């Protein structure tokens, strides 16, 4: 009987067909994130260069602010391509040890789930309640809950890995100066610069982190392909520079482009280390800076600059007026209006016109 069961089970095992007919699922899982990266970042780049008014109102930083970046787009492109080559090579090394996806017959798998469900529900006297819905519960667990749980676990693993590495690379002066500071040469991030990193950082953060998430979550190769592609999409979106209220990714995830933009600013470099999905570790470990706080910091910065500018102008005007002869400073029949010297208004004529 056992032998026959084994034969019956073996007959239910089969190799899945490839997602695309001309490529194995292994290779497709490595190629798909790259395709997603360039298509999605390309769309954002077109939106940026054409400056369509509808989209421009959602831009986080002005185009003038991009001049503060300390690296050219050409250098960014070269670095990103290098990162993707490294990721592909490492991915091939990891997947070469993996067999092709071997799937059991869906019916057999769901029978196992159904039996487990019956065992546990009977133990807790809940089987009579569950029995009428046994089939729909079993199918939901098999088709949705298990894959979603693996996907969520992979997200948590990658988030945890990247948070602690990211924070370490900021706290260590050596690691920041020689490795991570390269990424922060982009003061104003843009979409296709999402993977602009030092090669060592790219290897540790992205490539190794993705491999750990894939292996420890128990994903299939196809599940990994979806996870890698979504991670690539999310990373590009986080560096897009646009905060669209209709973007589902930015609506669902608190860790989005506005949140990550804080980290690229001088006042936020010691905060918001979490990436690429959640803000959990920032909140738990006290490195969370909310988006409204970013706005307040920017307003405080603008206020200080304005106050300093007003003081400088007031001092310049006072010095100019005290150093020149009144007969030369003002034209005939012209009366000095006291409001000109008030903090709210200044005579903006050039100094040459005063002499």
C-alpha atoms as a PDB file:
ATOM      1  CA  UNK A   1       0.000   0.000   0.000  1.00  0.00           C
ATOM      2  CA  UNK A   2       2.819   2.361   0.883  1.00  0.00           C
ATOM      3  CA  UNK A   3       4.546   1.500  -2.366  1.00  0.00           C
ATOM      4  CA  UNK A   4       1.416   2.174  -4.364  1.00  0.00           C
ATOM      5  CA  UNK A   5       0.930   5.463  -2.509  1.00  0.00           C
ATOM      6  CA  UNK A   6       4.447   6.465  -3.404  1.00  0.00           C
ATOM      7  CA  UNK A   7       3.841   5.606  -7.020  1.00  0.00           C
ATOM      8  CA  UNK A   8       0.558   7.523  -6.953  1.00  0.00           C
ATOM      9  CA  UNK A   9       2.235  10.527  -5.364  1.00  0.00           C
ATOM     10  CA  UNK A  10       5.126  10.331  -7.808  1.00  0.00           C
ATOM     11  CA  UNK A  11       2.751  10.340 -10.729  1.00  0.00           C
ATOM     12  CA  UNK A  12       1.333  13.589  -9.389  1.00  0.00           C
ATOM     13  CA  UNK A  13       4.744  15.271  -9.563  1.00  0.00           C
ATOM     14  CA  UNK A  14       5.646  17.194 -12.699  1.00  0.00           C
ATOM     15  CA  UNK A  15       7.995  19.905 -13.869  1.00  0.00           C
ATOM     16  CA  UNK A  16       6.317  23.206 -14.506  1.00  0.00           C
ATOM     17  CA  UNK A  17       6.529  24.828 -17.893  1.00  0.00           C
ATOM     18  CA  UNK A  18       8.513  28.041 -18.183  1.00  0.00           C
ATOM     19  CA  UNK A  19       6.681  31.342 -17.870  1.00  0.00           C
ATOM     20  CA  UNK A  20       8.091  32.361 -21.237  1.00  0.00           C
ATOM     21  CA  UNK A  21       8.759  29.639 -23.828  1.00  0.00           C
ATOM     22  CA  UNK A  22      12.236  30.798 -24.859  1.00  0.00           C
ATOM     23  CA  UNK A  23      13.748  31.185 -21.377  1.00  0.00           C
ATOM     24  CA  UNK A  24      13.967  29.218 -18.138  1.00  0.00           C
ATOM     25  CA  UNK A  25      12.233  30.592 -15.065  1.00  0.00           C
ATOM     26  CA  UNK A  26      15.646  31.009 -13.426  1.00  0.00           C
ATOM     27  CA  UNK A  27      16.893  33.362 -16.106  1.00  0.00           C
ATOM     28  CA  UNK A  28      13.541  35.122 -16.309  1.00  0.00           C
ATOM     29  CA  UNK A  29      13.596  35.836 -12.561  1.00  0.00           C
ATOM     30  CA  UNK A  30      16.927  37.629 -13.047  1.00  0.00           C
ATOM     31  CA  UNK A  31      15.941  39.504 -16.196  1.00  0.00           C
ATOM     32  CA  UNK A  32      12.484  40.706 -15.108  1.00  0.00           C
ATOM     33  CA  UNK A  33      13.691  43.106 -12.347  1.00  0.00           C
ATOM     34  CA  UNK A  34      16.081  44.768 -14.810  1.00  0.00           C
ATOM     35  CA  UNK A  35      13.314  45.220 -17.382  1.00  0.00           C
ATOM     36  CA  UNK A  36      10.987  46.654 -14.721  1.00  0.00           C
ATOM     37  CA  UNK A  37      13.736  48.983 -13.477  1.00  0.00           C
ATOM     38  CA  UNK A  38      14.413  50.642 -16.835  1.00  0.00           C
ATOM     39  CA  UNK A  39      10.806  50.819 -18.019  1.00  0.00           C
ATOM     40  CA  UNK A  40       9.534  52.337 -14.784  1.00  0.00           C
ATOM     41  CA  UNK A  41      12.458  54.712 -14.278  1.00  0.00           C
ATOM     42  CA  UNK A  42      12.223  55.650 -17.963  1.00  0.00           C
ATOM     43  CA  UNK A  43       8.613  56.748 -17.493  1.00  0.00           C
ATOM     44  CA  UNK A  44       9.584  58.927 -14.552  1.00  0.00           C
ATOM     45  CA  UNK A  45      12.486  60.373 -16.526  1.00  0.00           C
ATOM     46  CA  UNK A  46      10.169  61.347 -19.391  1.00  0.00           C
ATOM     47  CA  UNK A  47       7.781  62.990 -16.930  1.00  0.00           C
ATOM     48  CA  UNK A  48      10.723  64.913 -15.489  1.00  0.00           C
ATOM     49  CA  UNK A  49      12.261  66.193 -18.729  1.00  0.00           C
ATOM     50  CA  UNK A  50       8.962  67.192 -20.377  1.00  0.00           C
ATOM     51  CA  UNK A  51       7.796  68.999 -17.218  1.00  0.00           C
ATOM     52  CA  UNK A  52       4.114  68.348 -17.799  1.00  0.00           C
ATOM     53  CA  UNK A  53       2.188  70.799 -15.571  1.00  0.00           C
ATOM     54  CA  UNK A  54      -0.169  68.123 -14.263  1.00  0.00           C
ATOM     55  CA  UNK A  55       2.771  66.118 -12.898  1.00  0.00           C
ATOM     56  CA  UNK A  56       5.017  69.038 -11.953  1.00  0.00           C
ATOM     57  CA  UNK A  57       2.775  70.078  -9.087  1.00  0.00           C
ATOM     58  CA  UNK A  58       3.680  66.794  -7.403  1.00  0.00           C
ATOM     59  CA  UNK A  59       7.442  67.176  -7.809  1.00  0.00           C
ATOM     60  CA  UNK A  60       9.218  67.129  -4.430  1.00  0.00           C
ATOM     61  CA  UNK A  61      12.301  69.109  -5.470  1.00  0.00           C
ATOM     62  CA  UNK A  62      12.686  71.739  -8.161  1.00  0.00           C
ATOM     63  CA  UNK A  63      14.811  71.083 -11.219  1.00  0.00           C
ATOM     64  CA  UNK A  64      17.169  73.823 -10.015  1.00  0.00           C
ATOM     65  CA  UNK A  65      17.825  71.804  -6.863  1.00  0.00           C
ATOM     66  CA  UNK A  66      19.149  68.953  -9.015  1.00  0.00           C
ATOM     67  CA  UNK A  67      22.184  71.124  -9.721  1.00  0.00           C
ATOM     68  CA  UNK A  68      23.270  70.359  -6.164  1.00  0.00           C
ATOM     69  CA  UNK A  69      23.887  66.739  -7.147  1.00  0.00           C
ATOM     70  CA  UNK A  70      27.587  65.941  -7.166  1.00  0.00           C
ATOM     71  CA  UNK A  71      27.447  63.329  -9.901  1.00  0.00           C
ATOM     72  CA  UNK A  72      26.427  63.454 -13.559  1.00  0.00           C
ATOM     73  CA  UNK A  73      23.675  61.334 -15.074  1.00  0.00           C
ATOM     74  CA  UNK A  74      26.269  59.602 -17.224  1.00  0.00           C
ATOM     75  CA  UNK A  75      28.189  58.470 -14.159  1.00  0.00           C
ATOM     76  CA  UNK A  76      24.957  57.305 -12.558  1.00  0.00           C
ATOM     77  CA  UNK A  77      24.049  55.231 -15.619  1.00  0.00           C
ATOM     78  CA  UNK A  78      27.441  53.510 -15.668  1.00  0.00           C
ATOM     79  CA  UNK A  79      27.216  52.697 -11.970  1.00  0.00           C
ATOM     80  CA  UNK A  80      23.673  51.314 -12.211  1.00  0.00           C
ATOM     81  CA  UNK A  81      24.560  49.075 -15.156  1.00  0.00           C
ATOM     82  CA  UNK A  82      27.536  47.748 -13.184  1.00  0.00           C
ATOM     83  CA  UNK A  83      25.262  47.033 -10.209  1.00  0.00           C
ATOM     84  CA  UNK A  84      22.831  45.104 -12.371  1.00  0.00           C
ATOM     85  CA  UNK A  85      25.594  43.028 -13.940  1.00  0.00           C
ATOM     86  CA  UNK A  86      26.850  42.124 -10.469  1.00  0.00           C
ATOM     87  CA  UNK A  87      23.341  41.226  -9.317  1.00  0.00           C
ATOM     88  CA  UNK A  88      22.802  39.008 -12.344  1.00  0.00           C
ATOM     89  CA  UNK A  89      26.077  37.148 -11.840  1.00  0.00           C
ATOM     90  CA  UNK A  90      25.381  36.575  -8.144  1.00  0.00           C
ATOM     91  CA  UNK A  91      21.832  35.494  -8.964  1.00  0.00           C
ATOM     92  CA  UNK A  92      23.099  32.926 -11.454  1.00  0.00           C
ATOM     93  CA  UNK A  93      25.486  31.536  -8.844  1.00  0.00           C
ATOM     94  CA  UNK A  94      22.668  31.199  -6.307  1.00  0.00           C
ATOM     95  CA  UNK A  95      20.112  29.751  -8.714  1.00  0.00           C
ATOM     96  CA  UNK A  96      22.528  27.263 -10.244  1.00  0.00           C
ATOM     97  CA  UNK A  97      22.201  25.270  -7.021  1.00  0.00           C
ATOM     98  CA  UNK A  98      18.404  25.379  -7.284  1.00  0.00           C
ATOM     99  CA  UNK A  99      16.548  22.811  -9.329  1.00  0.00           C
ATOM    100  CA  UNK A 100      13.800  23.859 -11.683  1.00  0.00           C
ATOM    101  CA  UNK A 101      10.472  24.344  -9.927  1.00  0.00           C
ATOM    102  CA  UNK A 102       8.927  20.949  -9.300  1.00  0.00           C
ATOM    103  CA  UNK A 103       5.239  21.204  -8.561  1.00  0.00           C
ATOM    104  CA  UNK A 104       2.905  18.715  -6.981  1.00  0.00           C
ATOM    105  CA  UNK A 105      -0.558  18.299  -8.363  1.00  0.00           C
ATOM    106  CA  UNK A 106      -2.747  21.044  -6.906  1.00  0.00           C
ATOM    107  CA  UNK A 107      -5.381  18.546  -5.797  1.00  0.00           C
ATOM    108  CA  UNK A 108      -2.862  16.525  -3.796  1.00  0.00           C
ATOM    109  CA  UNK A 109      -1.464  19.639  -2.113  1.00  0.00           C
ATOM    110  CA  UNK A 110      -4.915  20.886  -1.179  1.00  0.00           C
ATOM    111  CA  UNK A 111      -5.822  17.483   0.242  1.00  0.00           C
ATOM    112  CA  UNK A 112      -2.894  17.829   2.647  1.00  0.00           C
ATOM    113  CA  UNK A 113      -4.054  21.307   3.667  1.00  0.00           C
ATOM    114  CA  UNK A 114      -7.631  20.102   4.113  1.00  0.00           C
ATOM    115  CA  UNK A 115      -6.526  17.235   6.337  1.00  0.00           C
ATOM    116  CA  UNK A 116      -4.378  19.545   8.455  1.00  0.00           C
ATOM    117  CA  UNK A 117      -7.270  21.986   8.743  1.00  0.00           C
ATOM    118  CA  UNK A 118      -9.600  19.208   9.914  1.00  0.00           C
ATOM    119  CA  UNK A 119      -7.072  17.951  12.479  1.00  0.00           C
ATOM    120  CA  UNK A 120      -6.541  21.350  14.105  1.00  0.00           C
ATOM    121  CA  UNK A 121     -10.185  22.437  13.993  1.00  0.00           C
ATOM    122  CA  UNK A 122     -11.296  19.145  15.553  1.00  0.00           C
ATOM    123  CA  UNK A 123      -8.761  19.617  18.330  1.00  0.00           C
ATOM    124  CA  UNK A 124     -10.326  22.965  19.222  1.00  0.00           C
ATOM    125  CA  UNK A 125     -13.930  21.811  18.628  1.00  0.00           C
ATOM    126  CA  UNK A 126     -14.352  24.050  15.594  1.00  0.00           C
ATOM    127  CA  UNK A 127     -14.710  21.480  12.817  1.00  0.00           C
ATOM    128  CA  UNK A 128     -18.519  21.637  12.708  1.00  0.00           C
ATOM    129  CA  UNK A 129     -18.284  25.366  12.062  1.00  0.00           C
ATOM    130  CA  UNK A 130     -15.548  25.065   9.433  1.00  0.00           C
ATOM    131  CA  UNK A 131     -16.761  21.940   7.602  1.00  0.00           C
ATOM    132  CA  UNK A 132     -19.358  23.675   5.377  1.00  0.00           C
ATOM    133  CA  UNK A 133     -16.660  26.071   4.166  1.00  0.00           C
ATOM    134  CA  UNK A 134     -13.864  23.513   3.980  1.00  0.00           C
ATOM    135  CA  UNK A 135     -13.290  23.725   0.237  1.00  0.00           C
ATOM    136  CA  UNK A 136     -13.203  27.507  -0.036  1.00  0.00           C
ATOM    137  CA  UNK A 137     -10.961  27.810   3.032  1.00  0.00           C
ATOM    138  CA  UNK A 138      -8.578  25.188   1.664  1.00  0.00           C
ATOM    139  CA  UNK A 139      -8.364  26.844  -1.753  1.00  0.00           C
ATOM    140  CA  UNK A 140      -7.853  30.269  -0.199  1.00  0.00           C
ATOM    141  CA  UNK A 141      -5.011  28.975   1.955  1.00  0.00           C
ATOM    142  CA  UNK A 142      -3.340  27.223  -0.975  1.00  0.00           C
ATOM    143  CA  UNK A 143      -3.693  29.884  -3.654  1.00  0.00           C
ATOM    144  CA  UNK A 144      -3.476  33.093  -1.626  1.00  0.00           C
ATOM    145  CA  UNK A 145      -2.509  32.860   2.041  1.00  0.00           C
ATOM    146  CA  UNK A 146       0.603  30.689   1.724  1.00  0.00           C
ATOM    147  CA  UNK A 147       2.124  32.642  -1.222  1.00  0.00           C
ATOM    148  CA  UNK A 148       1.255  35.954   0.477  1.00  0.00           C
ATOM    149  CA  UNK A 149       2.821  34.796   3.748  1.00  0.00           C
ATOM    150  CA  UNK A 150       6.049  33.854   1.964  1.00  0.00           C
ATOM    151  CA  UNK A 151       6.055  37.180   0.139  1.00  0.00           C
ATOM    152  CA  UNK A 152       5.527  39.100   3.386  1.00  0.00           C
ATOM    153  CA  UNK A 153       8.264  37.113   5.118  1.00  0.00           C
ATOM    154  CA  UNK A 154      10.669  37.939   2.288  1.00  0.00           C
ATOM    155  CA  UNK A 155       9.808  41.641   2.649  1.00  0.00           C
ATOM    156  CA  UNK A 156      10.461  41.527   6.399  1.00  0.00           C
ATOM    157  CA  UNK A 157      13.788  39.743   5.929  1.00  0.00           C
ATOM    158  CA  UNK A 158      14.984  42.232   3.304  1.00  0.00           C
ATOM    159  CA  UNK A 159      13.803  45.203   5.376  1.00  0.00           C
ATOM    160  CA  UNK A 160      15.594  43.940   8.472  1.00  0.00           C
ATOM    161  CA  UNK A 161      18.799  43.227   6.582  1.00  0.00           C
ATOM    162  CA  UNK A 162      18.900  46.604   4.878  1.00  0.00           C
ATOM    163  CA  UNK A 163      17.928  48.663   7.929  1.00  0.00           C
ATOM    164  CA  UNK A 164      20.774  47.477  10.136  1.00  0.00           C
ATOM    165  CA  UNK A 165      23.338  47.573   7.334  1.00  0.00           C
ATOM    166  CA  UNK A 166      22.167  51.025   6.255  1.00  0.00           C
ATOM    167  CA  UNK A 167      22.366  52.371   9.786  1.00  0.00           C
ATOM    168  CA  UNK A 168      25.812  50.824  10.283  1.00  0.00           C
ATOM    169  CA  UNK A 169      27.072  52.495   7.111  1.00  0.00           C
ATOM    170  CA  UNK A 170      25.993  55.859   8.524  1.00  0.00           C
ATOM    171  CA  UNK A 171      27.289  55.363  12.044  1.00  0.00           C
ATOM    172  CA  UNK A 172      30.695  54.151  10.895  1.00  0.00           C
ATOM    173  CA  UNK A 173      32.662  57.136   9.594  1.00  0.00           C
ATOM    174  CA  UNK A 174      34.931  54.824   7.615  1.00  0.00           C
ATOM    175  CA  UNK A 175      32.072  52.968   5.893  1.00  0.00           C
ATOM    176  CA  UNK A 176      30.207  56.185   5.166  1.00  0.00           C
ATOM    177  CA  UNK A 177      33.204  58.079   3.834  1.00  0.00           C
ATOM    178  CA  UNK A 178      34.541  55.299   1.618  1.00  0.00           C
ATOM    179  CA  UNK A 179      31.351  53.502   0.552  1.00  0.00           C
ATOM    180  CA  UNK A 180      27.902  54.874   1.397  1.00  0.00           C
ATOM    181  CA  UNK A 181      28.658  58.557   0.738  1.00  0.00           C
ATOM    182  CA  UNK A 182      28.638  57.706  -2.968  1.00  0.00           C
ATOM    183  CA  UNK A 183      24.869  57.205  -2.886  1.00  0.00           C
ATOM    184  CA  UNK A 184      24.398  60.522  -1.065  1.00  0.00           C
ATOM    185  CA  UNK A 185      26.090  62.399  -3.874  1.00  0.00           C
ATOM    186  CA  UNK A 186      22.535  62.445  -5.189  1.00  0.00           C
ATOM    187  CA  UNK A 187      21.160  65.211  -2.981  1.00  0.00           C
ATOM    188  CA  UNK A 188      18.037  65.195  -5.156  1.00  0.00           C
ATOM    189  CA  UNK A 189      17.322  61.551  -6.068  1.00  0.00           C
ATOM    190  CA  UNK A 190      15.793  60.598  -9.395  1.00  0.00           C
ATOM    191  CA  UNK A 191      14.281  57.345 -10.613  1.00  0.00           C
ATOM    192  CA  UNK A 192      17.073  55.638 -12.551  1.00  0.00           C
ATOM    193  CA  UNK A 193      19.572  56.647  -9.862  1.00  0.00           C
ATOM    194  CA  UNK A 194      17.917  54.296  -7.362  1.00  0.00           C
ATOM    195  CA  UNK A 195      20.754  51.763  -7.670  1.00  0.00           C
ATOM    196  CA  UNK A 196      23.536  54.340  -7.771  1.00  0.00           C
ATOM    197  CA  UNK A 197      25.743  52.818  -5.085  1.00  0.00           C
ATOM    198  CA  UNK A 198      29.272  51.751  -4.389  1.00  0.00           C
ATOM    199  CA  UNK A 199      29.749  48.200  -5.788  1.00  0.00           C
ATOM    200  CA  UNK A 200      30.359  46.819  -2.293  1.00  0.00           C
ATOM    201  CA  UNK A 201      27.164  48.425  -1.031  1.00  0.00           C
ATOM    202  CA  UNK A 202      25.191  47.096  -3.969  1.00  0.00           C
ATOM    203  CA  UNK A 203      26.548  43.609  -3.333  1.00  0.00           C
ATOM    204  CA  UNK A 204      25.748  43.641   0.399  1.00  0.00           C
ATOM    205  CA  UNK A 205      22.495  45.612   0.472  1.00  0.00           C
ATOM    206  CA  UNK A 206      20.678  44.555  -2.672  1.00  0.00           C
ATOM    207  CA  UNK A 207      22.166  41.356  -4.066  1.00  0.00           C
ATOM    208  CA  UNK A 208      22.933  39.493  -0.847  1.00  0.00           C
ATOM    209  CA  UNK A 209      19.818  40.849   0.859  1.00  0.00           C
ATOM    210  CA  UNK A 210      17.586  39.609  -1.972  1.00  0.00           C
ATOM    211  CA  UNK A 211      19.241  36.181  -1.889  1.00  0.00           C
ATOM    212  CA  UNK A 212      18.662  35.869   1.858  1.00  0.00           C
ATOM    213  CA  UNK A 213      15.022  36.916   1.521  1.00  0.00           C
ATOM    214  CA  UNK A 214      14.465  34.434  -1.306  1.00  0.00           C
ATOM    215  CA  UNK A 215      16.045  31.453   0.437  1.00  0.00           C
ATOM    216  CA  UNK A 216      14.736  31.943   3.980  1.00  0.00           C
ATOM    217  CA  UNK A 217      11.173  32.686   2.883  1.00  0.00           C
ATOM    218  CA  UNK A 218      10.890  29.377   1.036  1.00  0.00           C
ATOM    219  CA  UNK A 219       9.717  30.984  -2.182  1.00  0.00           C
ATOM    220  CA  UNK A 220       9.534  29.156  -5.473  1.00  0.00           C
ATOM    221  CA  UNK A 221      11.546  30.528  -8.377  1.00  0.00           C
ATOM    222  CA  UNK A 222       8.390  32.081  -9.794  1.00  0.00           C
ATOM    223  CA  UNK A 223       7.568  33.626  -6.455  1.00  0.00           C
ATOM    224  CA  UNK A 224      11.100  34.988  -6.363  1.00  0.00           C
ATOM    225  CA  UNK A 225      10.663  36.506  -9.813  1.00  0.00           C
ATOM    226  CA  UNK A 226       7.602  38.422  -8.615  1.00  0.00           C
ATOM    227  CA  UNK A 227       9.365  39.488  -5.420  1.00  0.00           C
ATOM    228  CA  UNK A 228      12.523  40.689  -7.198  1.00  0.00           C
ATOM    229  CA  UNK A 229      10.463  42.569  -9.775  1.00  0.00           C
ATOM    230  CA  UNK A 230       8.336  44.280  -7.132  1.00  0.00           C
ATOM    231  CA  UNK A 231      11.414  45.192  -5.076  1.00  0.00           C
ATOM    232  CA  UNK A 232      12.928  46.787  -8.174  1.00  0.00           C
ATOM    233  CA  UNK A 233       9.713  48.706  -8.866  1.00  0.00           C
ATOM    234  CA  UNK A 234       9.493  49.886  -5.250  1.00  0.00           C
ATOM    235  CA  UNK A 235      13.116  51.056  -5.155  1.00  0.00           C
ATOM    236  CA  UNK A 236      12.667  53.097  -8.325  1.00  0.00           C
ATOM    237  CA  UNK A 237       9.468  54.640  -6.992  1.00  0.00           C
ATOM    238  CA  UNK A 238      11.166  55.592  -3.710  1.00  0.00           C
ATOM    239  CA  UNK A 239      13.744  57.624  -5.651  1.00  0.00           C
ATOM    240  CA  UNK A 240      11.351  59.041  -8.257  1.00  0.00           C
ATOM    241  CA  UNK A 241      11.182  62.553  -6.802  1.00  0.00           C
ATOM    242  CA  UNK A 242       7.409  62.736  -7.325  1.00  0.00           C
ATOM    243  CA  UNK A 243       4.769  62.353  -4.637  1.00  0.00           C
ATOM    244  CA  UNK A 244       1.641  61.295  -6.507  1.00  0.00           C
ATOM    245  CA  UNK A 245      -1.509  60.988  -4.353  1.00  0.00           C
ATOM    246  CA  UNK A 246      -2.939  58.532  -6.900  1.00  0.00           C
ATOM    247  CA  UNK A 247       0.098  56.222  -6.813  1.00  0.00           C
ATOM    248  CA  UNK A 248      -1.016  53.016  -5.011  1.00  0.00           C
ATOM    249  CA  UNK A 249       2.542  52.167  -3.925  1.00  0.00           C
ATOM    250  CA  UNK A 250       2.961  55.536  -2.227  1.00  0.00           C
ATOM    251  CA  UNK A 251      -0.502  55.299  -0.679  1.00  0.00           C
ATOM    252  CA  UNK A 252      -0.029  51.795   0.738  1.00  0.00           C
ATOM    253  CA  UNK A 253       3.540  52.115   1.986  1.00  0.00           C
ATOM    254  CA  UNK A 254       4.539  54.737   4.531  1.00  0.00           C
ATOM    255  CA  UNK A 255       8.103  54.180   3.368  1.00  0.00           C
ATOM    256  CA  UNK A 256       7.770  56.010   0.065  1.00  0.00           C
ATOM    257  CA  UNK A 257       9.486  58.665  -2.028  1.00  0.00           C
ATOM    258  CA  UNK A 258       8.645  61.523   0.380  1.00  0.00           C
ATOM    259  CA  UNK A 259       9.819  59.465   3.353  1.00  0.00           C
ATOM    260  CA  UNK A 260      13.098  58.492   1.707  1.00  0.00           C
ATOM    261  CA  UNK A 261      13.688  62.025   0.423  1.00  0.00           C
ATOM    262  CA  UNK A 262      14.095  63.122   4.049  1.00  0.00           C
ATOM    263  CA  UNK A 263      17.068  60.791   4.397  1.00  0.00           C
ATOM    264  CA  UNK A 264      18.815  62.452   1.452  1.00  0.00           C
ATOM    265  CA  UNK A 265      18.648  65.897   3.083  1.00  0.00           C
ATOM    266  CA  UNK A 266      21.216  67.256   5.581  1.00  0.00           C
ATOM    267  CA  UNK A 267      18.647  67.404   8.387  1.00  0.00           C
ATOM    268  CA  UNK A 268      17.476  63.804   7.821  1.00  0.00           C
ATOM    269  CA  UNK A 269      20.631  61.801   7.210  1.00  0.00           C
ATOM    270  CA  UNK A 270      20.515  60.322  10.721  1.00  0.00           C
ATOM    271  CA  UNK A 271      16.893  59.258  10.313  1.00  0.00           C
ATOM    272  CA  UNK A 272      14.691  57.080   8.099  1.00  0.00           C
ATOM    273  CA  UNK A 273      17.158  54.268   7.507  1.00  0.00           C
ATOM    274  CA  UNK A 274      14.375  51.786   6.732  1.00  0.00           C
ATOM    275  CA  UNK A 275      14.130  50.521   3.165  1.00  0.00           C
ATOM    276  CA  UNK A 276      12.578  49.480   0.910  1.00  0.00           C
ATOM    277  CA  UNK A 277       9.146  48.546   2.292  1.00  0.00           C
ATOM    278  CA  UNK A 278       8.230  49.396   5.885  1.00  0.00           C
ATOM    279  CA  UNK A 279       9.062  51.957   8.583  1.00  0.00           C
ATOM    280  CA  UNK A 280       8.907  49.424  11.428  1.00  0.00           C
ATOM    281  CA  UNK A 281      12.570  49.467  12.486  1.00  0.00           C
ATOM    282  CA  UNK A 282      12.760  53.267  12.349  1.00  0.00           C
ATOM    283  CA  UNK A 283       9.778  53.531  14.675  1.00  0.00           C
ATOM    284  CA  UNK A 284      10.984  50.872  17.105  1.00  0.00           C
ATOM    285  CA  UNK A 285      14.585  52.111  17.317  1.00  0.00           C
ATOM    286  CA  UNK A 286      13.908  55.849  17.402  1.00  0.00           C
ATOM    287  CA  UNK A 287      15.169  56.861  13.958  1.00  0.00           C
ATOM    288  CA  UNK A 288      11.777  57.723  12.493  1.00  0.00           C
ATOM    289  CA  UNK A 289      11.230  61.225  11.090  1.00  0.00           C
ATOM    290  CA  UNK A 290       7.679  61.646   9.758  1.00  0.00           C
ATOM    291  CA  UNK A 291       6.973  63.502   6.557  1.00  0.00           C
ATOM    292  CA  UNK A 292       5.224  66.394   8.346  1.00  0.00           C
ATOM    293  CA  UNK A 293       8.391  66.861  10.428  1.00  0.00           C
ATOM    294  CA  UNK A 294      10.341  67.152   7.189  1.00  0.00           C
ATOM    295  CA  UNK A 295       8.032  69.978   6.121  1.00  0.00           C
ATOM    296  CA  UNK A 296       8.544  71.731   9.465  1.00  0.00           C
ATOM    297  CA  UNK A 297      12.320  71.402   9.188  1.00  0.00           C
ATOM    298  CA  UNK A 298      12.257  72.874   5.694  1.00  0.00           C
ATOM    299  CA  UNK A 299      10.114  75.791   6.877  1.00  0.00           C
ATOM    300  CA  UNK A 300      12.478  76.443   9.794  1.00  0.00           C
ATOM    301  CA  UNK A 301      15.406  76.392   7.404  1.00  0.00           C
ATOM    302  CA  UNK A 302      13.685  78.847   5.051  1.00  0.00           C
ATOM    303  CA  UNK A 303      12.766  81.092   7.998  1.00  0.00           C
ATOM    304  CA  UNK A 304      16.370  81.235   9.210  1.00  0.00           C
ATOM    305  CA  UNK A 305      17.623  82.030   5.708  1.00  0.00           C
ATOM    306  CA  UNK A 306      15.031  84.794   5.297  1.00  0.00           C
ATOM    307  CA  UNK A 307      15.842  86.326   8.689  1.00  0.00           C
ATOM    308  CA  UNK A 308      19.552  86.320   7.936  1.00  0.00           C
ATOM    309  CA  UNK A 309      18.916  87.836   4.513  1.00  0.00           C
ATOM    310  CA  UNK A 310      16.746  90.622   5.984  1.00  0.00           C
ATOM    311  CA  UNK A 311      19.360  91.411   8.618  1.00  0.00           C
ATOM    312  CA  UNK A 312      22.098  91.530   5.981  1.00  0.00           C
ATOM    313  CA  UNK A 313      20.046  93.856   3.760  1.00  0.00           C
ATOM    314  CA  UNK A 314      19.177  96.112   6.716  1.00  0.00           C
ATOM    315  CA  UNK A 315      22.827  96.379   7.704  1.00  0.00           C
ATOM    316  CA  UNK A 316      23.872  97.121   4.119  1.00  0.00           C
ATOM    317  CA  UNK A 317      21.280  99.875   3.761  1.00  0.00           C
ATOM    318  CA  UNK A 318      22.191 101.437   7.116  1.00  0.00           C
ATOM    319  CA  UNK A 319      25.870 101.435   6.235  1.00  0.00           C
ATOM    320  CA  UNK A 320      25.232 102.925   2.804  1.00  0.00           C
ATOM    321  CA  UNK A 321      23.013 105.692   4.132  1.00  0.00           C
ATOM    322  CA  UNK A 322      25.429 106.659   6.904  1.00  0.00           C
ATOM    323  CA  UNK A 323      28.440 106.723   4.585  1.00  0.00           C
ATOM    324  CA  UNK A 324      27.151 109.009   1.831  1.00  0.00           C
ATOM    325  CA  UNK A 325      26.189 112.683   1.802  1.00  0.00           C
ATOM    326  CA  UNK A 326      22.474 113.322   2.150  1.00  0.00           C
ATOM    327  CA  UNK A 327      22.569 115.920  -0.651  1.00  0.00           C
ATOM    328  CA  UNK A 328      23.914 113.258  -3.056  1.00  0.00           C
ATOM    329  CA  UNK A 329      21.797 110.439  -1.783  1.00  0.00           C
ATOM    330  CA  UNK A 330      18.443 111.894  -2.640  1.00  0.00           C
ATOM    331  CA  UNK A 331      17.207 113.907  -5.548  1.00  0.00           C
ATOM    332  CA  UNK A 332      15.710 117.392  -5.254  1.00  0.00           C
ATOM    333  CA  UNK A 333      12.204 117.645  -3.843  1.00  0.00           C
ATOM    334  CA  UNK A 334      12.343 113.921  -2.924  1.00  0.00           C
ATOM    335  CA  UNK A 335      11.198 113.142   0.619  1.00  0.00           C
ATOM    336  CA  UNK A 336      12.482 110.128   2.441  1.00  0.00           C
ATOM    337  CA  UNK A 337       9.582 107.849   3.318  1.00  0.00           C
ATOM    338  CA  UNK A 338      10.143 106.251   6.753  1.00  0.00           C
ATOM    339  CA  UNK A 339       8.516 103.055   5.497  1.00  0.00           C
ATOM    340  CA  UNK A 340      11.453 102.484   3.157  1.00  0.00           C
ATOM    341  CA  UNK A 341      13.614 101.629   6.142  1.00  0.00           C
ATOM    342  CA  UNK A 342      11.041  99.438   7.844  1.00  0.00           C
ATOM    343  CA  UNK A 343      11.740  95.680   8.116  1.00  0.00           C
ATOM    344  CA  UNK A 344       8.911  94.931   5.715  1.00  0.00           C
ATOM    345  CA  UNK A 345      10.034  97.124   2.801  1.00  0.00           C
ATOM    346  CA  UNK A 346      13.391  97.985   1.301  1.00  0.00           C
ATOM    347  CA  UNK A 347      14.517 100.323  -1.438  1.00  0.00           C
ATOM    348  CA  UNK A 348      15.635  97.864  -4.087  1.00  0.00           C
ATOM    349  CA  UNK A 349      17.363 100.411  -6.335  1.00  0.00           C
ATOM    350  CA  UNK A 350      20.958  99.587  -7.085  1.00  0.00           C
ATOM    351  CA  UNK A 351      23.626 101.353  -5.089  1.00  0.00           C
ATOM    352  CA  UNK A 352      24.863 103.091  -8.228  1.00  0.00           C
ATOM    353  CA  UNK A 353      21.540 104.901  -8.503  1.00  0.00           C
ATOM    354  CA  UNK A 354      22.003 106.302  -5.007  1.00  0.00           C
ATOM    355  CA  UNK A 355      25.234 108.144  -5.818  1.00  0.00           C
END
